[in-house]
């Protein structure tokens, strides 16, 4: 299942970080209405699943619960991935596009491996 594979390929238990990457940009209002933010909340490297329909949301939540029970509860860790309604989308800056194609020896996040 694609959504379970998503959880296998990164660490969904680290809030707003992946490997050595941590959010550095403080988001200021207006926030997307579906995202509840706290003061000093950084989102650049968060783990999120964006849905477009109620059925996609249901699937994402169900798979998250199943993966949590099977793979993370036994280790005492909690998935922090957000399930968020898709909104207006912005592409990343050009230098991020096709990054590893442009930089074949470029950065590889150590947390992006198959975890089970």
N, C-alpha and C. Protein backbone atom coordinates (compact mmCIF):
# COMPACT_ATOMS: atom_id res chain seq x y z
N UNK A 1 0.85 -1.18 0.00
CA UNK A 1 0.00 0.00 0.00
C UNK A 1 0.90 1.24 0.00
N UNK A 2 0.56 2.19 -0.84
CA UNK A 2 1.39 3.38 -1.00
C UNK A 2 1.52 4.16 0.30
N UNK A 3 0.43 4.36 1.02
CA UNK A 3 0.52 5.19 2.22
C UNK A 3 1.32 4.50 3.32
N UNK A 4 1.31 3.16 3.40
CA UNK A 4 2.16 2.49 4.36
C UNK A 4 3.62 2.62 3.94
N UNK A 5 3.90 2.54 2.65
CA UNK A 5 5.25 2.71 2.14
C UNK A 5 5.81 4.08 2.53
N UNK A 6 4.97 5.09 2.49
CA UNK A 6 5.36 6.44 2.92
C UNK A 6 5.96 6.40 4.31
N UNK A 7 5.33 5.67 5.22
CA UNK A 7 5.82 5.59 6.59
C UNK A 7 7.12 4.79 6.69
N UNK A 8 7.33 3.86 5.79
CA UNK A 8 8.55 3.05 5.80
C UNK A 8 9.78 3.83 5.36
N UNK A 9 9.60 4.91 4.60
CA UNK A 9 10.72 5.57 3.96
C UNK A 9 11.25 6.80 4.70
N UNK A 10 10.69 7.12 5.83
CA UNK A 10 11.21 8.23 6.62
C UNK A 10 10.82 8.02 8.08
N UNK A 11 11.31 8.87 8.94
CA UNK A 11 10.98 8.77 10.35
C UNK A 11 9.80 9.69 10.65
N UNK A 12 8.60 9.12 10.77
CA UNK A 12 7.42 9.95 11.01
C UNK A 12 7.22 10.33 12.48
N UNK A 13 8.21 10.05 13.31
CA UNK A 13 8.07 10.33 14.74
C UNK A 13 8.80 11.59 15.18
N UNK A 14 9.50 12.24 14.27
CA UNK A 14 10.23 13.45 14.62
C UNK A 14 9.41 14.66 14.18
N UNK A 15 9.06 15.50 15.11
CA UNK A 15 8.21 16.65 14.81
C UNK A 15 9.01 17.72 14.07
N UNK A 16 8.59 18.00 12.86
CA UNK A 16 9.17 19.08 12.05
C UNK A 16 10.66 18.93 11.81
N UNK A 17 11.12 17.69 11.64
CA UNK A 17 12.51 17.46 11.30
C UNK A 17 12.63 16.10 10.62
N UNK A 18 13.67 15.96 9.83
CA UNK A 18 14.03 14.69 9.23
C UNK A 18 15.54 14.62 9.21
N UNK A 19 16.10 13.62 9.89
CA UNK A 19 17.55 13.51 9.98
C UNK A 19 18.12 14.78 10.57
N UNK A 20 19.11 15.34 9.87
CA UNK A 20 19.76 16.56 10.35
C UNK A 20 18.99 17.82 9.98
N UNK A 21 17.91 17.69 9.21
CA UNK A 21 17.14 18.85 8.77
C UNK A 21 16.06 19.19 9.79
N UNK A 22 16.05 20.45 10.19
CA UNK A 22 15.06 20.93 11.15
C UNK A 22 14.45 22.21 10.60
N UNK A 23 13.18 22.43 10.89
CA UNK A 23 12.53 23.65 10.44
C UNK A 23 13.25 24.88 10.95
N UNK A 24 13.40 25.85 10.08
CA UNK A 24 14.11 27.06 10.47
C UNK A 24 13.28 28.31 10.23
N UNK A 25 12.21 28.18 9.50
CA UNK A 25 11.42 29.35 9.14
C UNK A 25 10.19 29.42 10.04
N UNK A 26 10.05 30.50 10.76
CA UNK A 26 8.86 30.66 11.59
C UNK A 26 7.73 31.16 10.70
N UNK A 27 6.64 30.42 10.71
CA UNK A 27 5.48 30.81 9.90
C UNK A 27 4.66 31.82 10.66
N UNK A 28 4.23 32.83 9.96
CA UNK A 28 3.42 33.86 10.57
C UNK A 28 2.06 33.88 9.89
N UNK A 29 1.06 34.44 10.53
CA UNK A 29 -0.28 34.47 9.93
C UNK A 29 -0.26 35.15 8.57
N UNK A 30 -1.15 34.79 7.66
CA UNK A 30 -2.22 33.82 7.89
C UNK A 30 -1.73 32.39 7.69
N UNK A 31 -2.09 31.52 8.62
CA UNK A 31 -1.77 30.11 8.49
C UNK A 31 -2.83 29.44 7.63
N UNK A 32 -2.48 28.31 7.00
CA UNK A 32 -3.53 27.55 6.32
C UNK A 32 -4.59 27.18 7.35
N UNK A 33 -5.86 27.31 7.04
CA UNK A 33 -6.91 27.10 8.04
C UNK A 33 -6.95 25.69 8.61
N UNK A 34 -6.40 24.70 7.91
CA UNK A 34 -6.46 23.33 8.41
C UNK A 34 -5.29 22.98 9.31
N UNK A 35 -4.33 23.88 9.45
CA UNK A 35 -3.15 23.59 10.26
C UNK A 35 -3.23 24.38 11.56
N UNK A 36 -3.24 23.66 12.66
CA UNK A 36 -3.26 24.32 13.97
C UNK A 36 -1.81 24.52 14.40
N UNK A 37 -1.41 25.75 14.54
CA UNK A 37 -0.02 26.05 14.87
C UNK A 37 0.11 26.57 16.28
N UNK A 38 1.25 26.30 16.86
CA UNK A 38 1.58 26.85 18.15
C UNK A 38 2.68 27.88 17.93
N UNK A 39 2.93 28.68 18.92
CA UNK A 39 4.01 29.67 18.83
C UNK A 39 5.32 28.95 18.52
N UNK A 40 6.13 29.54 17.66
CA UNK A 40 7.43 29.00 17.26
C UNK A 40 7.33 27.64 16.57
N UNK A 41 6.28 27.41 15.85
CA UNK A 41 6.06 26.16 15.16
C UNK A 41 6.70 26.24 13.77
N UNK A 42 7.58 25.32 13.46
CA UNK A 42 8.28 25.32 12.19
C UNK A 42 7.83 24.12 11.36
N UNK A 43 7.49 24.34 10.09
CA UNK A 43 6.88 23.30 9.29
C UNK A 43 7.71 22.82 8.11
N UNK A 44 8.87 23.38 7.88
CA UNK A 44 9.60 23.05 6.66
C UNK A 44 9.85 21.56 6.47
N UNK A 45 10.16 20.84 7.52
CA UNK A 45 10.51 19.44 7.38
C UNK A 45 9.51 18.52 8.08
N UNK A 46 8.29 18.99 8.20
CA UNK A 46 7.30 18.16 8.85
C UNK A 46 6.92 16.98 7.96
N UNK A 47 6.36 15.98 8.57
CA UNK A 47 5.82 14.83 7.86
C UNK A 47 4.32 15.06 7.75
N UNK A 48 3.80 15.02 6.52
CA UNK A 48 2.38 15.28 6.32
C UNK A 48 1.85 14.47 5.15
N UNK A 49 0.58 14.12 5.24
CA UNK A 49 -0.17 13.52 4.14
C UNK A 49 -1.29 14.50 3.81
N UNK A 50 -1.34 14.93 2.56
CA UNK A 50 -2.36 15.88 2.11
C UNK A 50 -3.44 15.12 1.36
N UNK A 51 -4.68 15.38 1.72
CA UNK A 51 -5.80 14.68 1.08
C UNK A 51 -6.68 15.67 0.33
N UNK A 52 -7.39 15.12 -0.68
CA UNK A 52 -8.32 15.93 -1.48
C UNK A 52 -9.77 15.52 -1.30
N UNK A 53 -10.02 14.38 -0.70
CA UNK A 53 -11.40 13.92 -0.55
C UNK A 53 -11.56 13.24 0.81
N UNK A 54 -12.80 13.12 1.27
CA UNK A 54 -13.03 12.43 2.55
C UNK A 54 -12.50 11.00 2.54
N UNK A 55 -12.61 10.30 1.42
CA UNK A 55 -12.12 8.93 1.39
C UNK A 55 -10.61 8.88 1.52
N UNK A 56 -9.90 9.83 0.91
CA UNK A 56 -8.44 9.87 1.06
C UNK A 56 -8.07 10.15 2.52
N UNK A 57 -8.80 11.04 3.15
CA UNK A 57 -8.54 11.35 4.56
C UNK A 57 -8.75 10.11 5.41
N UNK A 58 -9.86 9.39 5.18
CA UNK A 58 -10.16 8.18 5.94
C UNK A 58 -9.06 7.13 5.78
N UNK A 59 -8.59 6.95 4.54
CA UNK A 59 -7.53 5.97 4.28
C UNK A 59 -6.25 6.38 5.01
N UNK A 60 -5.88 7.65 4.90
CA UNK A 60 -4.66 8.13 5.55
C UNK A 60 -4.73 7.94 7.06
N UNK A 61 -5.87 8.27 7.66
CA UNK A 61 -6.01 8.12 9.10
C UNK A 61 -6.01 6.64 9.51
N UNK A 62 -6.68 5.80 8.73
CA UNK A 62 -6.72 4.37 9.05
C UNK A 62 -5.33 3.75 8.96
N UNK A 63 -4.61 4.05 7.88
CA UNK A 63 -3.27 3.49 7.71
C UNK A 63 -2.33 4.02 8.80
N UNK A 64 -2.45 5.29 9.14
CA UNK A 64 -1.63 5.86 10.21
C UNK A 64 -1.86 5.11 11.52
N UNK A 65 -3.11 4.86 11.84
CA UNK A 65 -3.43 4.13 13.07
C UNK A 65 -2.87 2.70 13.04
N UNK A 66 -3.01 2.02 11.89
CA UNK A 66 -2.50 0.66 11.76
C UNK A 66 -0.98 0.62 11.89
N UNK A 67 -0.30 1.53 11.21
CA UNK A 67 1.16 1.58 11.26
C UNK A 67 1.61 1.94 12.67
N UNK A 68 0.92 2.85 13.32
CA UNK A 68 1.25 3.23 14.70
C UNK A 68 1.23 2.00 15.59
N UNK A 69 0.12 1.25 15.55
CA UNK A 69 -0.02 0.08 16.41
C UNK A 69 1.03 -0.99 16.11
N UNK A 70 1.24 -1.26 14.84
CA UNK A 70 2.10 -2.37 14.44
C UNK A 70 3.59 -2.05 14.58
N UNK A 71 4.00 -0.86 14.22
CA UNK A 71 5.43 -0.57 14.12
C UNK A 71 5.97 0.42 15.13
N UNK A 72 5.14 1.25 15.74
CA UNK A 72 5.65 2.29 16.63
C UNK A 72 5.25 2.09 18.09
N UNK A 73 4.03 1.61 18.35
CA UNK A 73 3.64 1.34 19.74
C UNK A 73 4.62 0.39 20.44
N UNK A 74 5.08 -0.68 19.76
CA UNK A 74 6.02 -1.58 20.44
C UNK A 74 7.32 -0.90 20.88
N UNK A 75 7.68 0.21 20.26
CA UNK A 75 8.91 0.93 20.59
C UNK A 75 8.63 2.15 21.48
N UNK A 76 7.36 2.37 21.80
CA UNK A 76 7.00 3.50 22.65
C UNK A 76 7.15 4.85 21.96
N UNK A 77 7.04 4.87 20.62
CA UNK A 77 7.15 6.13 19.89
C UNK A 77 5.82 6.46 19.23
N UNK A 78 5.64 7.72 18.89
CA UNK A 78 4.36 8.20 18.34
C UNK A 78 4.58 8.85 16.99
N UNK A 79 3.75 8.49 16.03
CA UNK A 79 3.76 9.13 14.72
C UNK A 79 3.28 10.57 14.89
N UNK A 80 4.02 11.51 14.35
CA UNK A 80 3.63 12.92 14.42
C UNK A 80 3.17 13.44 13.06
N UNK A 81 3.11 12.57 12.06
CA UNK A 81 2.67 12.96 10.72
C UNK A 81 1.28 13.57 10.80
N UNK A 82 1.10 14.70 10.13
CA UNK A 82 -0.20 15.35 10.09
C UNK A 82 -0.97 14.89 8.84
N UNK A 83 -2.27 14.71 8.99
CA UNK A 83 -3.16 14.45 7.87
C UNK A 83 -3.91 15.75 7.66
N UNK A 84 -3.64 16.41 6.52
CA UNK A 84 -4.06 17.79 6.30
C UNK A 84 -4.79 17.92 4.96
N UNK A 85 -5.88 18.64 4.97
CA UNK A 85 -6.60 18.91 3.72
C UNK A 85 -5.68 19.69 2.77
N UNK A 86 -5.60 19.21 1.55
CA UNK A 86 -4.76 19.90 0.55
C UNK A 86 -5.35 21.27 0.26
N UNK A 87 -4.52 22.21 0.12
CA UNK A 87 -4.92 23.57 -0.20
C UNK A 87 -4.12 24.08 -1.37
N UNK A 88 -3.93 25.36 -1.40
CA UNK A 88 -3.11 25.94 -2.44
C UNK A 88 -1.70 25.38 -2.33
N UNK A 89 -1.15 24.96 -3.45
CA UNK A 89 0.15 24.31 -3.45
C UNK A 89 1.20 25.22 -4.05
N UNK A 90 2.36 25.25 -3.45
CA UNK A 90 3.47 26.04 -3.97
C UNK A 90 4.64 25.10 -4.21
N UNK A 91 5.20 25.13 -5.41
CA UNK A 91 6.38 24.33 -5.68
C UNK A 91 7.55 24.88 -4.88
N UNK A 92 8.46 24.00 -4.53
CA UNK A 92 9.69 24.43 -3.86
C UNK A 92 10.52 25.25 -4.83
N UNK A 93 11.48 25.95 -4.28
CA UNK A 93 12.37 26.77 -5.10
C UNK A 93 13.03 25.90 -6.16
N UNK A 94 13.44 26.51 -7.26
CA UNK A 94 14.00 25.78 -8.39
C UNK A 94 15.20 24.92 -8.00
N UNK A 95 16.02 25.41 -7.09
CA UNK A 95 17.21 24.63 -6.75
C UNK A 95 16.86 23.33 -6.01
N UNK A 96 15.63 23.21 -5.51
CA UNK A 96 15.19 21.96 -4.89
C UNK A 96 14.63 20.98 -5.92
N UNK A 97 14.21 21.46 -7.07
CA UNK A 97 13.59 20.59 -8.07
C UNK A 97 14.64 19.64 -8.66
N UNK A 98 14.30 18.36 -8.71
CA UNK A 98 15.20 17.33 -9.26
C UNK A 98 16.58 17.41 -8.60
N UNK A 99 16.60 17.64 -7.32
CA UNK A 99 17.84 17.92 -6.61
C UNK A 99 18.91 16.85 -6.83
N UNK A 100 18.55 15.58 -6.62
CA UNK A 100 19.57 14.54 -6.74
C UNK A 100 19.95 14.28 -8.20
N UNK A 101 19.11 14.61 -9.13
CA UNK A 101 19.47 14.53 -10.54
C UNK A 101 20.52 15.60 -10.84
N UNK A 102 20.31 16.78 -10.32
CA UNK A 102 21.26 17.88 -10.53
C UNK A 102 22.53 17.71 -9.69
N UNK A 103 22.41 17.01 -8.57
CA UNK A 103 23.52 16.83 -7.63
C UNK A 103 23.64 15.33 -7.29
N UNK A 104 24.12 14.51 -8.21
CA UNK A 104 24.11 13.06 -8.00
C UNK A 104 24.85 12.59 -6.76
N UNK A 105 25.78 13.37 -6.27
CA UNK A 105 26.47 13.00 -5.03
C UNK A 105 25.97 13.85 -3.88
N UNK A 106 24.81 14.45 -4.08
CA UNK A 106 24.25 15.37 -3.09
C UNK A 106 23.75 14.69 -1.84
N UNK A 107 23.16 15.47 -1.03
CA UNK A 107 22.69 15.08 0.29
C UNK A 107 21.73 13.90 0.25
N UNK A 108 21.97 12.97 1.12
CA UNK A 108 21.05 11.87 1.34
C UNK A 108 20.68 11.87 2.82
N UNK A 109 19.41 11.98 3.11
CA UNK A 109 18.97 11.99 4.49
C UNK A 109 19.11 10.59 5.08
N UNK A 110 19.85 10.44 6.17
CA UNK A 110 20.06 9.11 6.75
C UNK A 110 18.78 8.47 7.28
N UNK A 111 17.74 9.27 7.50
CA UNK A 111 16.50 8.68 8.01
C UNK A 111 15.64 8.14 6.88
N UNK A 112 16.01 8.40 5.62
CA UNK A 112 15.21 7.92 4.49
C UNK A 112 15.71 6.55 4.02
N UNK A 113 15.32 5.55 4.77
CA UNK A 113 15.63 4.17 4.44
C UNK A 113 14.36 3.37 4.68
N UNK A 114 14.32 2.13 4.22
CA UNK A 114 13.16 1.30 4.53
C UNK A 114 13.32 0.81 5.97
N UNK A 115 12.37 1.16 6.81
CA UNK A 115 12.48 0.89 8.24
C UNK A 115 11.94 -0.46 8.67
N UNK A 116 11.21 -1.12 7.84
CA UNK A 116 10.77 -2.48 8.18
C UNK A 116 10.46 -3.23 6.92
